[in-house]
């Protein structure tokens, strides 16, 4: 079970790195177990963000327009 959780957290970390550059993303929760970690203004209709999950960001795809920038470690 620990390997499954580690794998899931690793995948979410990569996805978070991809979507954090989106112009609609206001903030991403630092808690890796948060079900809706992304504060997004696209679907709220105002400047007040709503909480969405990473699947919503991947479906929307607006993060691709901002260009992906991966930092080398």
N, C-alpha and C. Protein backbone atom coordinates (compact mmCIF):
# COMPACT_ATOMS: atom_id res chain seq x y z
N UNK A 1 0.82 -1.20 0.00
CA UNK A 1 0.00 0.00 0.00
C UNK A 1 0.86 1.26 0.00
N UNK A 2 2.00 1.18 0.68
CA UNK A 2 2.88 2.34 0.72
C UNK A 2 3.41 2.69 -0.66
N UNK A 3 3.70 1.67 -1.47
CA UNK A 3 4.20 1.94 -2.82
C UNK A 3 3.14 2.59 -3.68
N UNK A 4 1.90 2.17 -3.53
CA UNK A 4 0.80 2.77 -4.28
C UNK A 4 0.64 4.24 -3.90
N UNK A 5 0.69 4.53 -2.61
CA UNK A 5 0.57 5.91 -2.15
C UNK A 5 1.74 6.75 -2.64
N UNK A 6 2.95 6.20 -2.58
CA UNK A 6 4.13 6.93 -3.07
C UNK A 6 4.03 7.20 -4.56
N UNK A 7 3.55 6.23 -5.31
CA UNK A 7 3.38 6.39 -6.75
C UNK A 7 2.35 7.47 -7.05
N UNK A 8 1.24 7.46 -6.32
CA UNK A 8 0.19 8.46 -6.51
C UNK A 8 0.70 9.85 -6.17
N UNK A 9 1.43 9.97 -5.08
CA UNK A 9 1.97 11.27 -4.68
C UNK A 9 3.00 11.77 -5.69
N UNK A 10 3.79 10.87 -6.25
CA UNK A 10 4.75 11.25 -7.27
C UNK A 10 4.07 11.76 -8.53
N UNK A 11 3.01 11.07 -8.94
CA UNK A 11 2.24 11.49 -10.11
C UNK A 11 1.59 12.84 -9.88
N UNK A 12 1.03 13.04 -8.70
CA UNK A 12 0.40 14.32 -8.38
C UNK A 12 1.43 15.44 -8.34
N UNK A 13 2.63 15.15 -7.89
CA UNK A 13 3.69 16.16 -7.85
C UNK A 13 4.06 16.61 -9.26
N UNK A 14 4.18 15.66 -10.18
CA UNK A 14 4.49 16.00 -11.57
C UNK A 14 3.35 16.81 -12.18
N UNK A 15 2.11 16.39 -11.95
CA UNK A 15 0.95 17.11 -12.48
C UNK A 15 0.87 18.51 -11.90
N UNK A 16 1.15 18.66 -10.63
CA UNK A 16 1.15 19.98 -9.99
C UNK A 16 2.19 20.88 -10.62
N UNK A 17 3.37 20.34 -10.91
CA UNK A 17 4.41 21.13 -11.58
C UNK A 17 3.96 21.59 -12.96
N UNK A 18 3.14 20.80 -13.63
CA UNK A 18 2.65 21.17 -14.95
C UNK A 18 1.62 22.29 -14.88
N UNK A 19 0.66 22.19 -13.96
CA UNK A 19 -0.46 23.13 -13.95
C UNK A 19 -0.18 24.41 -13.17
N UNK A 20 0.90 24.47 -12.41
CA UNK A 20 1.13 25.65 -11.57
C UNK A 20 1.42 26.91 -12.38
N UNK A 21 1.73 26.78 -13.66
CA UNK A 21 2.01 27.94 -14.49
C UNK A 21 0.77 28.45 -15.23
N UNK A 22 -0.37 27.83 -15.02
CA UNK A 22 -1.61 28.25 -15.68
C UNK A 22 -2.01 29.64 -15.21
N UNK A 23 -2.49 30.45 -16.13
CA UNK A 23 -2.87 31.82 -15.78
C UNK A 23 -4.13 31.86 -14.90
N UNK A 24 -4.91 30.80 -14.88
CA UNK A 24 -6.11 30.75 -14.05
C UNK A 24 -5.84 30.20 -12.65
N UNK A 25 -4.69 29.59 -12.46
CA UNK A 25 -4.34 28.99 -11.17
C UNK A 25 -3.85 30.07 -10.22
N UNK A 26 -4.55 30.24 -9.12
CA UNK A 26 -4.18 31.25 -8.12
C UNK A 26 -3.20 30.66 -7.12
N UNK A 27 -3.46 29.42 -6.70
CA UNK A 27 -2.63 28.78 -5.69
C UNK A 27 -2.88 27.27 -5.73
N UNK A 28 -1.90 26.51 -5.28
CA UNK A 28 -2.05 25.07 -5.15
C UNK A 28 -1.74 24.70 -3.71
N UNK A 29 -2.63 23.96 -3.09
CA UNK A 29 -2.45 23.56 -1.70
C UNK A 29 -1.18 22.72 -1.55
N UNK A 30 -0.40 22.98 -0.51
CA UNK A 30 0.82 22.18 -0.30
C UNK A 30 0.55 20.79 0.26
N UNK A 31 -0.69 20.53 0.70
CA UNK A 31 -1.04 19.22 1.26
C UNK A 31 -1.22 18.21 0.13
N UNK A 32 -0.37 17.20 0.03
CA UNK A 32 -0.46 16.25 -1.08
C UNK A 32 -1.70 15.36 -1.04
N UNK A 33 -2.38 15.28 0.08
CA UNK A 33 -3.57 14.44 0.19
C UNK A 33 -4.87 15.22 0.03
N UNK A 34 -4.79 16.50 -0.28
CA UNK A 34 -5.97 17.36 -0.47
C UNK A 34 -6.68 16.92 -1.74
N UNK A 35 -7.99 16.71 -1.67
CA UNK A 35 -8.74 16.20 -2.83
C UNK A 35 -8.93 17.26 -3.92
N UNK A 36 -9.05 18.52 -3.53
CA UNK A 36 -9.20 19.61 -4.50
C UNK A 36 -8.15 20.67 -4.19
N UNK A 37 -6.92 20.45 -4.62
CA UNK A 37 -5.82 21.31 -4.20
C UNK A 37 -5.64 22.60 -4.99
N UNK A 38 -6.33 22.75 -6.12
CA UNK A 38 -6.06 23.87 -7.01
C UNK A 38 -7.11 24.96 -6.83
N UNK A 39 -6.65 26.19 -6.61
CA UNK A 39 -7.52 27.35 -6.52
C UNK A 39 -7.57 27.98 -7.91
N UNK A 40 -8.71 27.87 -8.57
CA UNK A 40 -8.84 28.26 -9.98
C UNK A 40 -9.92 29.34 -10.14
N UNK A 41 -9.63 30.35 -10.97
CA UNK A 41 -10.61 31.41 -11.21
C UNK A 41 -11.36 31.24 -12.53
N UNK A 42 -10.98 30.27 -13.35
CA UNK A 42 -11.63 30.10 -14.65
C UNK A 42 -13.11 29.77 -14.51
N UNK A 43 -13.44 28.83 -13.65
CA UNK A 43 -14.82 28.35 -13.53
C UNK A 43 -15.63 29.10 -12.49
N UNK A 44 -15.01 30.02 -11.77
CA UNK A 44 -15.75 30.72 -10.72
C UNK A 44 -16.57 31.89 -11.26
N UNK A 45 -16.16 32.44 -12.40
CA UNK A 45 -16.89 33.57 -12.97
C UNK A 45 -16.55 34.90 -12.30
N UNK A 46 -15.59 34.90 -11.41
CA UNK A 46 -15.16 36.13 -10.74
C UNK A 46 -13.70 35.97 -10.33
N UNK A 47 -13.21 36.93 -9.57
CA UNK A 47 -11.82 36.85 -9.11
C UNK A 47 -11.67 35.99 -7.86
N UNK A 48 -12.77 35.48 -7.34
CA UNK A 48 -12.73 34.60 -6.19
C UNK A 48 -12.56 33.16 -6.69
N UNK A 49 -11.45 32.52 -6.36
CA UNK A 49 -11.21 31.18 -6.89
C UNK A 49 -12.09 30.11 -6.25
N UNK A 50 -12.30 29.05 -7.00
CA UNK A 50 -12.96 27.87 -6.46
C UNK A 50 -11.93 26.74 -6.41
N UNK A 51 -12.19 25.75 -5.60
CA UNK A 51 -11.28 24.61 -5.48
C UNK A 51 -11.63 23.55 -6.51
N UNK A 52 -10.64 23.12 -7.27
CA UNK A 52 -10.83 22.06 -8.26
C UNK A 52 -9.73 21.01 -8.07
N UNK A 53 -9.97 19.83 -8.62
CA UNK A 53 -8.95 18.79 -8.53
C UNK A 53 -8.04 18.84 -9.75
N UNK A 54 -6.97 18.08 -9.71
CA UNK A 54 -5.99 18.10 -10.80
C UNK A 54 -6.57 17.55 -12.10
N UNK A 55 -7.53 16.65 -12.01
CA UNK A 55 -8.16 16.12 -13.22
C UNK A 55 -8.89 17.22 -13.98
N UNK A 56 -9.48 18.16 -13.26
CA UNK A 56 -10.14 19.30 -13.90
C UNK A 56 -9.13 20.13 -14.68
N UNK A 57 -7.97 20.34 -14.10
CA UNK A 57 -6.91 21.10 -14.78
C UNK A 57 -6.44 20.39 -16.04
N UNK A 58 -6.26 19.08 -15.95
CA UNK A 58 -5.81 18.33 -17.11
C UNK A 58 -6.86 18.33 -18.21
N UNK A 59 -8.13 18.27 -17.84
CA UNK A 59 -9.22 18.30 -18.81
C UNK A 59 -9.31 19.67 -19.48
N UNK A 60 -9.17 20.73 -18.70
CA UNK A 60 -9.24 22.09 -19.22
C UNK A 60 -8.10 22.34 -20.21
N UNK A 61 -6.89 22.04 -19.81
CA UNK A 61 -5.74 22.16 -20.70
C UNK A 61 -5.17 23.55 -20.89
N UNK A 62 -5.69 24.56 -20.21
CA UNK A 62 -5.16 25.91 -20.39
C UNK A 62 -3.72 26.05 -19.92
N UNK A 63 -3.26 25.15 -19.07
CA UNK A 63 -1.87 25.22 -18.62
C UNK A 63 -0.91 25.00 -19.79
N UNK A 64 -1.37 24.33 -20.85
CA UNK A 64 -0.52 24.08 -22.02
C UNK A 64 -0.22 25.37 -22.77
N UNK A 65 -1.12 26.34 -22.71
CA UNK A 65 -0.94 27.61 -23.41
C UNK A 65 0.15 28.46 -22.77
N UNK A 66 0.44 28.20 -21.51
CA UNK A 66 1.44 28.98 -20.79
C UNK A 66 2.85 28.45 -21.01
N UNK A 67 2.98 27.33 -21.64
CA UNK A 67 4.30 26.73 -21.87
C UNK A 67 4.77 26.00 -20.63
N UNK A 68 5.19 24.79 -20.82
CA UNK A 68 5.66 23.99 -19.70
C UNK A 68 7.12 24.29 -19.43
N UNK A 69 7.42 24.58 -18.18
CA UNK A 69 8.80 24.86 -17.79
C UNK A 69 9.15 23.92 -16.65
N UNK A 70 9.97 22.95 -16.95
CA UNK A 70 10.40 22.02 -15.91
C UNK A 70 11.75 22.45 -15.39
N UNK A 71 11.86 22.47 -14.08
CA UNK A 71 13.11 22.87 -13.44
C UNK A 71 13.97 21.64 -13.23
N UNK A 72 15.22 21.74 -13.63
CA UNK A 72 16.13 20.62 -13.44
C UNK A 72 16.63 20.61 -12.01
N UNK A 73 16.76 19.41 -11.47
CA UNK A 73 17.24 19.31 -10.09
C UNK A 73 18.67 18.83 -10.04
